[in-house]
């Protein structure tokens, strides 16, 4: 199961973003727990932190943070592979396929429908 503490990403296409994350995060046991006033949604799973896809608080358009990235910590490499593959199947774009980035550090990178960069990883 993936672990995350707390992270949000912004979107200008909230309905499409919610459909993307409902499916992607549902595949790892996280579900929508609160529909946010911005039109977005917050997600949580048993024993996980909170993830949100939201409209920006300041009312300006969402934009991708240059150099910003969030990660999901998995227990196995196979879970990382499946998470990455599901993101791509849902219309995300590959930013680096699954593989070792240094000894004992297995990562897979993708961008969501708005261009936010995320990864799944497994240390050890």
PDB file of N, CA and C in Angstrom:
ATOM      1  N   UNK A   1       0.848  -1.180   0.000  1.00  0.00           N
ATOM      2  CA  UNK A   1       0.000   0.000   0.000  1.00  0.00           C
ATOM      3  C   UNK A   1       0.887   1.234   0.000  1.00  0.00           C
ATOM      4  N   UNK A   2       0.491   2.225  -0.748  1.00  0.00           N
ATOM      5  CA  UNK A   2       1.255   3.470  -0.846  1.00  0.00           C
ATOM      6  C   UNK A   2       1.084   4.297   0.412  1.00  0.00           C
ATOM      7  N   UNK A   3       2.123   5.055   0.735  1.00  0.00           N
ATOM      8  CA  UNK A   3       2.071   5.970   1.868  1.00  0.00           C
ATOM      9  C   UNK A   3       2.338   7.380   1.362  1.00  0.00           C
ATOM     10  N   UNK A   4       1.568   8.301   1.876  1.00  0.00           N
ATOM     11  CA  UNK A   4       1.745   9.713   1.571  1.00  0.00           C
ATOM     12  C   UNK A   4       1.303  10.464   2.817  1.00  0.00           C
ATOM     13  N   UNK A   5       1.917  11.571   3.120  1.00  0.00           N
ATOM     14  CA  UNK A   5       1.513  12.349   4.284  1.00  0.00           C
ATOM     15  C   UNK A   5       0.398  13.309   3.905  1.00  0.00           C
ATOM     16  N   UNK A   6       0.717  14.300   3.095  1.00  0.00           N
ATOM     17  CA  UNK A   6      -0.264  15.295   2.662  1.00  0.00           C
ATOM     18  C   UNK A   6       0.292  15.992   1.441  1.00  0.00           C
ATOM     19  N   UNK A   7      -0.532  16.069   0.403  1.00  0.00           N
ATOM     20  CA  UNK A   7      -0.096  16.735  -0.808  1.00  0.00           C
ATOM     21  C   UNK A   7      -1.333  17.151  -1.595  1.00  0.00           C
ATOM     22  N   UNK A   8      -1.258  18.309  -2.233  1.00  0.00           N
ATOM     23  CA  UNK A   8      -2.297  18.723  -3.160  1.00  0.00           C
ATOM     24  C   UNK A   8      -1.649  19.137  -4.478  1.00  0.00           C
ATOM     25  N   UNK A   9      -2.413  18.981  -5.539  1.00  0.00           N
ATOM     26  CA  UNK A   9      -2.039  19.512  -6.845  1.00  0.00           C
ATOM     27  C   UNK A   9      -3.207  20.366  -7.326  1.00  0.00           C
ATOM     28  N   UNK A  10      -2.894  21.339  -8.152  1.00  0.00           N
ATOM     29  CA  UNK A  10      -3.923  22.204  -8.704  1.00  0.00           C
ATOM     30  C   UNK A  10      -4.365  21.724 -10.073  1.00  0.00           C
ATOM     31  N   UNK A  11      -5.596  22.104 -10.430  1.00  0.00           N
ATOM     32  CA  UNK A  11      -6.108  21.747 -11.743  1.00  0.00           C
ATOM     33  C   UNK A  11      -7.041  22.839 -12.254  1.00  0.00           C
ATOM     34  N   UNK A  12      -7.006  23.038 -13.565  1.00  0.00           N
ATOM     35  CA  UNK A  12      -7.956  23.911 -14.246  1.00  0.00           C
ATOM     36  C   UNK A  12      -9.060  23.100 -14.916  1.00  0.00           C
ATOM     37  N   UNK A  13      -8.934  21.786 -14.859  1.00  0.00           N
ATOM     38  CA  UNK A  13      -9.907  20.863 -15.458  1.00  0.00           C
ATOM     39  C   UNK A  13     -10.346  19.887 -14.377  1.00  0.00           C
ATOM     40  N   UNK A  14     -11.047  20.391 -13.370  1.00  0.00           N
ATOM     41  CA  UNK A  14     -11.311  19.594 -12.179  1.00  0.00           C
ATOM     42  C   UNK A  14     -12.141  18.340 -12.435  1.00  0.00           C
ATOM     43  N   UNK A  15     -13.115  18.387 -13.311  1.00  0.00           N
ATOM     44  CA  UNK A  15     -13.915  17.179 -13.554  1.00  0.00           C
ATOM     45  C   UNK A  15     -13.056  16.075 -14.163  1.00  0.00           C
ATOM     46  N   UNK A  16     -12.224  16.421 -15.134  1.00  0.00           N
ATOM     47  CA  UNK A  16     -11.320  15.432 -15.736  1.00  0.00           C
ATOM     48  C   UNK A  16     -10.286  14.972 -14.710  1.00  0.00           C
ATOM     49  N   UNK A  17      -9.780  15.897 -13.904  1.00  0.00           N
ATOM     50  CA  UNK A  17      -8.778  15.551 -12.891  1.00  0.00           C
ATOM     51  C   UNK A  17      -9.373  14.611 -11.846  1.00  0.00           C
ATOM     52  N   UNK A  18     -10.599  14.859 -11.414  1.00  0.00           N
ATOM     53  CA  UNK A  18     -11.235  13.979 -10.430  1.00  0.00           C
ATOM     54  C   UNK A  18     -11.448  12.586 -11.011  1.00  0.00           C
ATOM     55  N   UNK A  19     -11.848  12.486 -12.267  1.00  0.00           N
ATOM     56  CA  UNK A  19     -12.014  11.172 -12.893  1.00  0.00           C
ATOM     57  C   UNK A  19     -10.671  10.438 -12.943  1.00  0.00           C
ATOM     58  N   UNK A  20      -9.595  11.154 -13.308  1.00  0.00           N
ATOM     59  CA  UNK A  20      -8.246  10.582 -13.360  1.00  0.00           C
ATOM     60  C   UNK A  20      -7.849  10.057 -11.977  1.00  0.00           C
ATOM     61  N   UNK A  21      -7.969  10.888 -10.961  1.00  0.00           N
ATOM     62  CA  UNK A  21      -7.533  10.494  -9.615  1.00  0.00           C
ATOM     63  C   UNK A  21      -8.486   9.513  -8.948  1.00  0.00           C
ATOM     64  N   UNK A  22      -9.797   9.579  -9.236  1.00  0.00           N
ATOM     65  CA  UNK A  22     -10.708   8.566  -8.698  1.00  0.00           C
ATOM     66  C   UNK A  22     -10.228   7.183  -9.105  1.00  0.00           C
ATOM     67  N   UNK A  23      -9.866   7.033 -10.374  1.00  0.00           N
ATOM     68  CA  UNK A  23      -9.427   5.738 -10.888  1.00  0.00           C
ATOM     69  C   UNK A  23      -8.020   5.405 -10.414  1.00  0.00           C
ATOM     70  N   UNK A  24      -7.078   6.329 -10.607  1.00  0.00           N
ATOM     71  CA  UNK A  24      -5.687   6.054 -10.245  1.00  0.00           C
ATOM     72  C   UNK A  24      -5.541   5.767  -8.760  1.00  0.00           C
ATOM     73  N   UNK A  25      -6.061   6.634  -7.929  1.00  0.00           N
ATOM     74  CA  UNK A  25      -5.916   6.439  -6.487  1.00  0.00           C
ATOM     75  C   UNK A  25      -6.796   5.298  -5.988  1.00  0.00           C
ATOM     76  N   UNK A  26      -7.928   5.071  -6.644  1.00  0.00           N
ATOM     77  CA  UNK A  26      -8.750   3.916  -6.314  1.00  0.00           C
ATOM     78  C   UNK A  26      -7.997   2.613  -6.513  1.00  0.00           C
ATOM     79  N   UNK A  27      -7.076   2.604  -7.493  1.00  0.00           N
ATOM     80  CA  UNK A  27      -6.301   1.390  -7.768  1.00  0.00           C
ATOM     81  C   UNK A  27      -5.326   1.058  -6.645  1.00  0.00           C
ATOM     82  N   UNK A  28      -5.086   2.006  -5.735  1.00  0.00           N
ATOM     83  CA  UNK A  28      -4.204   1.747  -4.585  1.00  0.00           C
ATOM     84  C   UNK A  28      -4.963   1.898  -3.266  1.00  0.00           C
ATOM     85  N   UNK A  29      -6.280   1.816  -3.323  1.00  0.00           N
ATOM     86  CA  UNK A  29      -7.083   1.796  -2.108  1.00  0.00           C
ATOM     87  C   UNK A  29      -7.442   3.146  -1.517  1.00  0.00           C
ATOM     88  N   UNK A  30      -7.204   4.230  -2.256  1.00  0.00           N
ATOM     89  CA  UNK A  30      -7.586   5.551  -1.773  1.00  0.00           C
ATOM     90  C   UNK A  30      -8.899   5.946  -2.446  1.00  0.00           C
ATOM     91  N   UNK A  31      -9.752   6.653  -1.711  1.00  0.00           N
ATOM     92  CA  UNK A  31     -11.016   7.085  -2.294  1.00  0.00           C
ATOM     93  C   UNK A  31     -11.310   8.521  -1.904  1.00  0.00           C
ATOM     94  N   UNK A  32     -12.192   9.142  -2.676  1.00  0.00           N
ATOM     95  CA  UNK A  32     -12.613  10.503  -2.372  1.00  0.00           C
ATOM     96  C   UNK A  32     -13.344  10.533  -1.042  1.00  0.00           C
ATOM     97  N   UNK A  33     -12.913  11.444  -0.161  1.00  0.00           N
ATOM     98  CA  UNK A  33     -13.539  11.539   1.155  1.00  0.00           C
ATOM     99  C   UNK A  33     -14.196  12.894   1.380  1.00  0.00           C
ATOM    100  N   UNK A  34     -13.936  13.854   0.498  1.00  0.00           N
ATOM    101  CA  UNK A  34     -14.499  15.192   0.678  1.00  0.00           C
ATOM    102  C   UNK A  34     -14.456  15.926  -0.649  1.00  0.00           C
ATOM    103  N   UNK A  35     -15.602  16.417  -1.071  1.00  0.00           N
ATOM    104  CA  UNK A  35     -15.650  17.268  -2.252  1.00  0.00           C
ATOM    105  C   UNK A  35     -15.425  18.701  -1.802  1.00  0.00           C
ATOM    106  N   UNK A  36     -14.320  19.256  -2.229  1.00  0.00           N
ATOM    107  CA  UNK A  36     -13.831  20.554  -1.790  1.00  0.00           C
ATOM    108  C   UNK A  36     -14.636  21.695  -2.421  1.00  0.00           C
ATOM    109  N   UNK A  37     -14.823  22.808  -1.708  1.00  0.00           N
ATOM    110  CA  UNK A  37     -15.558  23.946  -2.265  1.00  0.00           C
ATOM    111  C   UNK A  37     -14.970  24.509  -3.567  1.00  0.00           C
ATOM    112  N   UNK A  38     -13.687  24.265  -3.823  1.00  0.00           N
ATOM    113  CA  UNK A  38     -13.063  24.741  -5.068  1.00  0.00           C
ATOM    114  C   UNK A  38     -13.533  23.948  -6.277  1.00  0.00           C
ATOM    115  N   UNK A  39     -14.253  22.860  -6.041  1.00  0.00           N
ATOM    116  CA  UNK A  39     -14.655  21.962  -7.122  1.00  0.00           C
ATOM    117  C   UNK A  39     -13.783  20.725  -7.183  1.00  0.00           C
ATOM    118  N   UNK A  40     -12.764  20.680  -6.341  1.00  0.00           N
ATOM    119  CA  UNK A  40     -11.842  19.547  -6.313  1.00  0.00           C
ATOM    120  C   UNK A  40     -12.279  18.478  -5.339  1.00  0.00           C
ATOM    121  N   UNK A  41     -11.351  17.606  -5.016  1.00  0.00           N
ATOM    122  CA  UNK A  41     -11.664  16.468  -4.148  1.00  0.00           C
ATOM    123  C   UNK A  41     -10.435  16.106  -3.318  1.00  0.00           C
ATOM    124  N   UNK A  42     -10.685  15.662  -2.088  1.00  0.00           N
ATOM    125  CA  UNK A  42      -9.644  15.134  -1.216  1.00  0.00           C
ATOM    126  C   UNK A  42      -9.799  13.621  -1.140  1.00  0.00           C
ATOM    127  N   UNK A  43      -8.667  12.922  -1.093  1.00  0.00           N
ATOM    128  CA  UNK A  43      -8.632  11.458  -1.102  1.00  0.00           C
ATOM    129  C   UNK A  43      -7.868  10.950   0.122  1.00  0.00           C
ATOM    130  N   UNK A  44      -8.283   9.779   0.577  1.00  0.00           N
ATOM    131  CA  UNK A  44      -7.603   9.140   1.693  1.00  0.00           C
ATOM    132  C   UNK A  44      -7.844   7.639   1.600  1.00  0.00           C
ATOM    133  N   UNK A  45      -6.915   6.870   2.129  1.00  0.00           N
ATOM    134  CA  UNK A  45      -7.063   5.421   2.218  1.00  0.00           C
ATOM    135  C   UNK A  45      -6.751   4.979   3.627  1.00  0.00           C
ATOM    136  N   UNK A  46      -7.030   3.743   3.934  1.00  0.00           N
ATOM    137  CA  UNK A  46      -6.752   3.203   5.262  1.00  0.00           C
ATOM    138  C   UNK A  46      -5.255   3.261   5.527  1.00  0.00           C
ATOM    139  N   UNK A  47      -4.874   3.973   6.563  1.00  0.00           N
ATOM    140  CA  UNK A  47      -3.462   4.083   6.926  1.00  0.00           C
ATOM    141  C   UNK A  47      -2.668   5.026   6.039  1.00  0.00           C
ATOM    142  N   UNK A  48      -3.340   5.838   5.194  1.00  0.00           N
ATOM    143  CA  UNK A  48      -2.618   6.762   4.319  1.00  0.00           C
ATOM    144  C   UNK A  48      -2.840   8.193   4.763  1.00  0.00           C
ATOM    145  N   UNK A  49      -2.080   9.069   4.204  1.00  0.00           N
ATOM    146  CA  UNK A  49      -2.272  10.492   4.406  1.00  0.00           C
ATOM    147  C   UNK A  49      -3.348  11.009   3.466  1.00  0.00           C
ATOM    148  N   UNK A  50      -3.298  12.282   3.197  1.00  0.00           N
ATOM    149  CA  UNK A  50      -4.322  12.963   2.413  1.00  0.00           C
ATOM    150  C   UNK A  50      -3.734  13.485   1.109  1.00  0.00           C
ATOM    151  N   UNK A  51      -4.464  13.286   0.015  1.00  0.00           N
ATOM    152  CA  UNK A  51      -4.089  13.817  -1.292  1.00  0.00           C
ATOM    153  C   UNK A  51      -5.273  14.607  -1.811  1.00  0.00           C
ATOM    154  N   UNK A  52      -5.001  15.758  -2.397  1.00  0.00           N
ATOM    155  CA  UNK A  52      -6.083  16.557  -2.954  1.00  0.00           C
ATOM    156  C   UNK A  52      -5.776  17.072  -4.337  1.00  0.00           C
ATOM    157  N   UNK A  53      -6.818  17.149  -5.165  1.00  0.00           N
ATOM    158  CA  UNK A  53      -6.740  17.864  -6.436  1.00  0.00           C
ATOM    159  C   UNK A  53      -7.745  19.000  -6.292  1.00  0.00           C
ATOM    160  N   UNK A  54      -7.250  20.239  -6.381  1.00  0.00           N
ATOM    161  CA  UNK A  54      -8.049  21.403  -6.018  1.00  0.00           C
ATOM    162  C   UNK A  54      -7.921  22.524  -7.028  1.00  0.00           C
ATOM    163  N   UNK A  55      -8.890  23.416  -7.010  1.00  0.00           N
ATOM    164  CA  UNK A  55      -8.742  24.701  -7.666  1.00  0.00           C
ATOM    165  C   UNK A  55      -7.957  25.591  -6.713  1.00  0.00           C
ATOM    166  N   UNK A  56      -7.034  26.416  -7.203  1.00  0.00           N
ATOM    167  CA  UNK A  56      -6.209  27.237  -6.314  1.00  0.00           C
ATOM    168  C   UNK A  56      -7.026  28.166  -5.412  1.00  0.00           C
ATOM    169  N   UNK A  57      -6.596  28.286  -4.184  1.00  0.00           N
ATOM    170  CA  UNK A  57      -7.255  29.106  -3.170  1.00  0.00           C
ATOM    171  C   UNK A  57      -7.346  30.571  -3.585  1.00  0.00           C
ATOM    172  N   UNK A  58      -6.310  31.067  -4.262  1.00  0.00           N
ATOM    173  CA  UNK A  58      -6.283  32.494  -4.607  1.00  0.00           C
ATOM    174  C   UNK A  58      -7.145  32.842  -5.819  1.00  0.00           C
ATOM    175  N   UNK A  59      -7.781  31.841  -6.426  1.00  0.00           N
ATOM    176  CA  UNK A  59      -8.664  32.097  -7.554  1.00  0.00           C
ATOM    177  C   UNK A  59      -7.960  32.230  -8.890  1.00  0.00           C
ATOM    178  N   UNK A  60      -6.647  32.265  -8.899  1.00  0.00           N
ATOM    179  CA  UNK A  60      -5.893  32.333 -10.151  1.00  0.00           C
ATOM    180  C   UNK A  60      -5.841  30.946 -10.782  1.00  0.00           C
ATOM    181  N   UNK A  61      -5.515  30.872 -12.076  1.00  0.00           N
ATOM    182  CA  UNK A  61      -5.408  29.559 -12.719  1.00  0.00           C
ATOM    183  C   UNK A  61      -4.327  28.702 -12.062  1.00  0.00           C
ATOM    184  N   UNK A  62      -4.583  27.410 -12.028  1.00  0.00           N
ATOM    185  CA  UNK A  62      -3.577  26.465 -11.538  1.00  0.00           C
ATOM    186  C   UNK A  62      -2.423  26.430 -12.525  1.00  0.00           C
ATOM    187  N   UNK A  63      -1.218  26.244 -12.022  1.00  0.00           N
ATOM    188  CA  UNK A  63      -0.054  26.077 -12.880  1.00  0.00           C
ATOM    189  C   UNK A  63       0.857  25.046 -12.242  1.00  0.00           C
ATOM    190  N   UNK A  64       1.672  24.446 -13.044  1.00  0.00           N
ATOM    191  CA  UNK A  64       2.588  23.409 -12.588  1.00  0.00           C
ATOM    192  C   UNK A  64       3.789  24.062 -11.929  1.00  0.00           C
ATOM    193  N   UNK A  65       4.164  23.578 -10.761  1.00  0.00           N
ATOM    194  CA  UNK A  65       5.355  24.087 -10.089  1.00  0.00           C
ATOM    195  C   UNK A  65       6.601  23.524 -10.745  1.00  0.00           C
ATOM    196  N   UNK A  66       7.485  24.387 -11.236  1.00  0.00           N
ATOM    197  CA  UNK A  66       8.716  23.941 -11.874  1.00  0.00           C
ATOM    198  C   UNK A  66       9.627  23.350 -10.807  1.00  0.00           C
ATOM    199  N   UNK A  67       9.870  22.064 -10.900  1.00  0.00           N
ATOM    200  CA  UNK A  67      10.690  21.370  -9.915  1.00  0.00           C
ATOM    201  C   UNK A  67       9.878  20.729  -8.798  1.00  0.00           C
ATOM    202  N   UNK A  68       8.580  21.001  -8.727  1.00  0.00           N
ATOM    203  CA  UNK A  68       7.725  20.390  -7.707  1.00  0.00           C
ATOM    204  C   UNK A  68       7.379  18.966  -8.120  1.00  0.00           C
ATOM    205  N   UNK A  69       7.385  18.060  -7.161  1.00  0.00           N
ATOM    206  CA  UNK A  69       7.001  16.683  -7.433  1.00  0.00           C
ATOM    207  C   UNK A  69       6.541  16.061  -6.128  1.00  0.00           C
ATOM    208  N   UNK A  70       5.544  15.209  -6.215  1.00  0.00           N
ATOM    209  CA  UNK A  70       5.083  14.460  -5.058  1.00  0.00           C
ATOM    210  C   UNK A  70       5.288  12.989  -5.297  1.00  0.00           C
ATOM    211  N   UNK A  71       5.489  12.238  -4.219  1.00  0.00           N
ATOM    212  CA  UNK A  71       5.755  10.821  -4.356  1.00  0.00           C
ATOM    213  C   UNK A  71       4.875   9.950  -3.492  1.00  0.00           C
ATOM    214  N   UNK A  72       4.601   8.749  -3.987  1.00  0.00           N
ATOM    215  CA  UNK A  72       3.856   7.730  -3.277  1.00  0.00           C
ATOM    216  C   UNK A  72       4.819   6.583  -2.951  1.00  0.00           C
ATOM    217  N   UNK A  73       4.969   6.278  -1.675  1.00  0.00           N
ATOM    218  CA  UNK A  73       5.886   5.258  -1.172  1.00  0.00           C
ATOM    219  C   UNK A  73       5.181   3.904  -1.171  1.00  0.00           C
ATOM    220  N   UNK A  74       5.699   2.953  -1.945  1.00  0.00           N
ATOM    221  CA  UNK A  74       5.092   1.630  -2.050  1.00  0.00           C
ATOM    222  C   UNK A  74       5.940   0.576  -1.351  1.00  0.00           C
ATOM    223  N   UNK A  75       5.303  -0.557  -1.057  1.00  0.00           N
ATOM    224  CA  UNK A  75       5.982  -1.668  -0.390  1.00  0.00           C
ATOM    225  C   UNK A  75       6.743  -2.559  -1.353  1.00  0.00           C
ATOM    226  N   UNK A  76       6.326  -2.591  -2.641  1.00  0.00           N
ATOM    227  CA  UNK A  76       7.002  -3.458  -3.617  1.00  0.00           C
ATOM    228  C   UNK A  76       7.236  -2.719  -4.930  1.00  0.00           C
ATOM    229  N   UNK A  77       8.193  -3.201  -5.684  1.00  0.00           N
ATOM    230  CA  UNK A  77       8.450  -2.656  -7.020  1.00  0.00           C
ATOM    231  C   UNK A  77       7.278  -2.915  -7.954  1.00  0.00           C
ATOM    232  N   UNK A  78       6.621  -4.057  -7.775  1.00  0.00           N
ATOM    233  CA  UNK A  78       5.476  -4.385  -8.621  1.00  0.00           C
ATOM    234  C   UNK A  78       4.338  -3.376  -8.421  1.00  0.00           C
ATOM    235  N   UNK A  79       4.164  -2.905  -7.204  1.00  0.00           N
ATOM    236  CA  UNK A  79       3.149  -1.879  -6.948  1.00  0.00           C
ATOM    237  C   UNK A  79       3.516  -0.572  -7.647  1.00  0.00           C
ATOM    238  N   UNK A  80       4.803  -0.235  -7.633  1.00  0.00           N
ATOM    239  CA  UNK A  80       5.274   0.963  -8.340  1.00  0.00           C
ATOM    240  C   UNK A  80       4.971   0.821  -9.829  1.00  0.00           C
ATOM    241  N   UNK A  81       5.306  -0.331 -10.401  1.00  0.00           N
ATOM    242  CA  UNK A  81       5.064  -0.576 -11.824  1.00  0.00           C
ATOM    243  C   UNK A  81       3.588  -0.431 -12.173  1.00  0.00           C
ATOM    244  N   UNK A  82       2.721  -1.030 -11.360  1.00  0.00           N
ATOM    245  CA  UNK A  82       1.281  -0.997 -11.628  1.00  0.00           C
ATOM    246  C   UNK A  82       0.722   0.419 -11.513  1.00  0.00           C
ATOM    247  N   UNK A  83       1.179   1.177 -10.529  1.00  0.00           N
ATOM    248  CA  UNK A  83       0.721   2.555 -10.327  1.00  0.00           C
ATOM    249  C   UNK A  83       1.112   3.418 -11.525  1.00  0.00           C
ATOM    250  N   UNK A  84       2.351   3.295 -11.958  1.00  0.00           N
ATOM    251  CA  UNK A  84       2.842   4.046 -13.110  1.00  0.00           C
ATOM    252  C   UNK A  84       2.059   3.662 -14.368  1.00  0.00           C
ATOM    253  N   UNK A  85       1.883   2.378 -14.598  1.00  0.00           N
ATOM    254  CA  UNK A  85       1.161   1.913 -15.781  1.00  0.00           C
ATOM    255  C   UNK A  85      -0.280   2.432 -15.781  1.00  0.00           C
ATOM    256  N   UNK A  86      -0.905   2.443 -14.620  1.00  0.00           N
ATOM    257  CA  UNK A  86      -2.293   2.916 -14.544  1.00  0.00           C
ATOM    258  C   UNK A  86      -2.363   4.407 -14.863  1.00  0.00           C
ATOM    259  N   UNK A  87      -1.421   5.178 -14.354  1.00  0.00           N
ATOM    260  CA  UNK A  87      -1.397   6.615 -14.645  1.00  0.00           C
ATOM    261  C   UNK A  87      -1.289   6.863 -16.145  1.00  0.00           C
ATOM    262  N   UNK A  88      -0.450   6.101 -16.831  1.00  0.00           N
ATOM    263  CA  UNK A  88      -0.280   6.256 -18.279  1.00  0.00           C
ATOM    264  C   UNK A  88      -1.551   5.825 -19.009  1.00  0.00           C
ATOM    265  N   UNK A  89      -2.157   4.720 -18.587  1.00  0.00           N
ATOM    266  CA  UNK A  89      -3.411   4.254 -19.197  1.00  0.00           C
ATOM    267  C   UNK A  89      -4.512   5.306 -19.081  1.00  0.00           C
ATOM    268  N   UNK A  90      -4.499   6.091 -18.013  1.00  0.00           N
ATOM    269  CA  UNK A  90      -5.534   7.094 -17.765  1.00  0.00           C
ATOM    270  C   UNK A  90      -5.264   8.415 -18.478  1.00  0.00           C
ATOM    271  N   UNK A  91      -4.186   8.472 -19.252  1.00  0.00           N
ATOM    272  CA  UNK A  91      -3.889   9.679 -20.016  1.00  0.00           C
ATOM    273  C   UNK A  91      -2.742  10.498 -19.482  1.00  0.00           C
ATOM    274  N   UNK A  92      -2.107  10.043 -18.406  1.00  0.00           N
ATOM    275  CA  UNK A  92      -0.908  10.711 -17.917  1.00  0.00           C
ATOM    276  C   UNK A  92       0.241  10.487 -18.888  1.00  0.00           C
ATOM    277  N   UNK A  93       1.308  11.241 -18.727  1.00  0.00           N
ATOM    278  CA  UNK A  93       2.467  11.081 -19.610  1.00  0.00           C
ATOM    279  C   UNK A  93       3.670  10.598 -18.810  1.00  0.00           C
ATOM    280  N   UNK A  94       4.443   9.731 -19.422  1.00  0.00           N
ATOM    281  CA  UNK A  94       5.618   9.151 -18.772  1.00  0.00           C
ATOM    282  C   UNK A  94       6.734  10.182 -18.681  1.00  0.00           C
ATOM    283  N   UNK A  95       7.287  10.303 -17.493  1.00  0.00           N
ATOM    284  CA  UNK A  95       8.437  11.188 -17.259  1.00  0.00           C
ATOM    285  C   UNK A  95       9.663  10.394 -16.862  1.00  0.00           C
ATOM    286  N   UNK A  96       9.593   9.095 -16.965  1.00  0.00           N
ATOM    287  CA  UNK A  96      10.687   8.205 -16.611  1.00  0.00           C
ATOM    288  C   UNK A  96      10.112   6.893 -16.141  1.00  0.00           C
ATOM    289  N   UNK A  97      10.229   5.870 -16.967  1.00  0.00           N
ATOM    290  CA  UNK A  97       9.653   4.578 -16.647  1.00  0.00           C
ATOM    291  C   UNK A  97      10.270   3.950 -15.408  1.00  0.00           C
ATOM    292  N   UNK A  98       9.624   2.921 -14.866  1.00  0.00           N
ATOM    293  CA  UNK A  98      10.112   2.269 -13.658  1.00  0.00           C
ATOM    294  C   UNK A  98      11.537   1.748 -13.820  1.00  0.00           C
ATOM    295  N   UNK A  99      12.336   1.960 -12.791  1.00  0.00           N
ATOM    296  CA  UNK A  99      13.700   1.452 -12.794  1.00  0.00           C
ATOM    297  C   UNK A  99      14.498   1.970 -11.614  1.00  0.00           C
ATOM    298  N   UNK A 100      15.659   1.352 -11.405  1.00  0.00           N
ATOM    299  CA  UNK A 100      16.549   1.800 -10.331  1.00  0.00           C
ATOM    300  C   UNK A 100      17.218   3.098 -10.724  1.00  0.00           C
ATOM    301  N   UNK A 101      17.188   4.046  -9.832  1.00  0.00           N
ATOM    302  CA  UNK A 101      17.825   5.343 -10.072  1.00  0.00           C
ATOM    303  C   UNK A 101      19.174   5.426  -9.358  1.00  0.00           C
ATOM    304  N   UNK A 102      19.335   4.628  -8.351  1.00  0.00           N
ATOM    305  CA  UNK A 102      20.596   4.403  -7.640  1.00  0.00           C
ATOM    306  C   UNK A 102      20.389   3.087  -6.904  1.00  0.00           C
ATOM    307  N   UNK A 103      21.433   2.470  -6.400  1.00  0.00           N
ATOM    308  CA  UNK A 103      21.258   1.168  -5.757  1.00  0.00           C
ATOM    309  C   UNK A 103      20.177   1.210  -4.663  1.00  0.00           C
ATOM    310  N   UNK A 104      19.188   0.323  -4.812  1.00  0.00           N
ATOM    311  CA  UNK A 104      18.127   0.213  -3.818  1.00  0.00           C
ATOM    312  C   UNK A 104      17.063   1.285  -3.878  1.00  0.00           C
ATOM    313  N   UNK A 105      17.050   2.093  -4.929  1.00  0.00           N
ATOM    314  CA  UNK A 105      16.062   3.168  -5.072  1.00  0.00           C
ATOM    315  C   UNK A 105      15.349   3.000  -6.410  1.00  0.00           C
ATOM    316  N   UNK A 106      14.124   2.517  -6.363  1.00  0.00           N
ATOM    317  CA  UNK A 106      13.325   2.198  -7.540  1.00  0.00           C
ATOM    318  C   UNK A 106      12.237   3.245  -7.688  1.00  0.00           C
ATOM    319  N   UNK A 107      12.222   3.948  -8.819  1.00  0.00           N
ATOM    320  CA  UNK A 107      11.294   5.058  -9.033  1.00  0.00           C
ATOM    321  C   UNK A 107      10.626   4.945 -10.397  1.00  0.00           C
ATOM    322  N   UNK A 108       9.428   5.527 -10.510  1.00  0.00           N
ATOM    323  CA  UNK A 108       8.712   5.650 -11.781  1.00  0.00           C
ATOM    324  C   UNK A 108       7.994   6.999 -11.762  1.00  0.00           C
ATOM    325  N   UNK A 109       8.191   7.794 -12.818  1.00  0.00           N
ATOM    326  CA  UNK A 109       7.697   9.169 -12.862  1.00  0.00           C
ATOM    327  C   UNK A 109       6.632   9.361 -13.936  1.00  0.00           C
ATOM    328  N   UNK A 110       5.643  10.210 -13.648  1.00  0.00           N
ATOM    329  CA  UNK A 110       4.625  10.559 -14.634  1.00  0.00           C
ATOM    330  C   UNK A 110       4.075  11.945 -14.340  1.00  0.00           C
ATOM    331  N   UNK A 111       3.404  12.489 -15.343  1.00  0.00           N
ATOM    332  CA  UNK A 111       2.657  13.746 -15.179  1.00  0.00           C
ATOM    333  C   UNK A 111       1.177  13.444 -15.329  1.00  0.00           C
ATOM    334  N   UNK A 112       0.369  14.125 -14.512  1.00  0.00           N
ATOM    335  CA  UNK A 112      -1.077  13.955 -14.607  1.00  0.00           C
ATOM    336  C   UNK A 112      -1.634  14.752 -15.781  1.00  0.00           C
ATOM    337  N   UNK A 113      -2.935  14.873 -15.879  1.00  0.00           N
ATOM    338  CA  UNK A 113      -3.572  15.537 -17.013  1.00  0.00           C
ATOM    339  C   UNK A 113      -3.273  17.029 -17.075  1.00  0.00           C
ATOM    340  N   UNK A 114      -2.911  17.634 -15.942  1.00  0.00           N
ATOM    341  CA  UNK A 114      -2.577  19.059 -15.894  1.00  0.00           C
ATOM    342  C   UNK A 114      -1.077  19.314 -15.958  1.00  0.00           C
ATOM    343  N   UNK A 115      -0.276  18.255 -15.998  1.00  0.00           N
ATOM    344  CA  UNK A 115       1.171  18.412 -16.058  1.00  0.00           C
ATOM    345  C   UNK A 115       1.869  18.350 -14.712  1.00  0.00           C
ATOM    346  N   UNK A 116       1.128  18.068 -13.625  1.00  0.00           N
ATOM    347  CA  UNK A 116       1.754  17.923 -12.313  1.00  0.00           C
ATOM    348  C   UNK A 116       2.595  16.647 -12.303  1.00  0.00           C
ATOM    349  N   UNK A 117       3.821  16.744 -11.797  1.00  0.00           N
ATOM    350  CA  UNK A 117       4.727  15.600 -11.801  1.00  0.00           C
ATOM    351  C   UNK A 117       4.620  14.833 -10.486  1.00  0.00           C
ATOM    352  N   UNK A 118       4.424  13.516 -10.623  1.00  0.00           N
ATOM    353  CA  UNK A 118       4.304  12.620  -9.478  1.00  0.00           C
ATOM    354  C   UNK A 118       5.166  11.398  -9.719  1.00  0.00           C
ATOM    355  N   UNK A 119       5.406  10.646  -8.650  1.00  0.00           N
ATOM    356  CA  UNK A 119       6.157   9.394  -8.818  1.00  0.00           C
ATOM    357  C   UNK A 119       5.675   8.371  -7.812  1.00  0.00           C
ATOM    358  N   UNK A 120       5.942   7.142  -8.153  1.00  0.00           N
ATOM    359  CA  UNK A 120       5.834   6.025  -7.220  1.00  0.00           C
ATOM    360  C   UNK A 120       7.250   5.553  -6.965  1.00  0.00           C
ATOM    361  N   UNK A 121       7.531   5.140  -5.736  1.00  0.00           N
ATOM    362  CA  UNK A 121       8.888   4.683  -5.442  1.00  0.00           C
ATOM    363  C   UNK A 121       8.913   3.611  -4.380  1.00  0.00           C
ATOM    364  N   UNK A 122      10.016   2.902  -4.344  1.00  0.00           N
ATOM    365  CA  UNK A 122      10.293   1.859  -3.355  1.00  0.00           C
ATOM    366  C   UNK A 122      11.769   1.903  -3.041  1.00  0.00           C
ATOM    367  N   UNK A 123      12.096   2.116  -1.779  1.00  0.00           N
ATOM    368  CA  UNK A 123      13.482   2.025  -1.330  1.00  0.00           C
ATOM    369  C   UNK A 123      13.717   0.628  -0.789  1.00  0.00           C
ATOM    370  N   UNK A 124      14.878   0.086  -1.130  1.00  0.00           N
ATOM    371  CA  UNK A 124      15.244  -1.222  -0.614  1.00  0.00           C
ATOM    372  C   UNK A 124      14.865  -2.355  -1.515  1.00  0.00           C
TER     373      UNK A 124
END
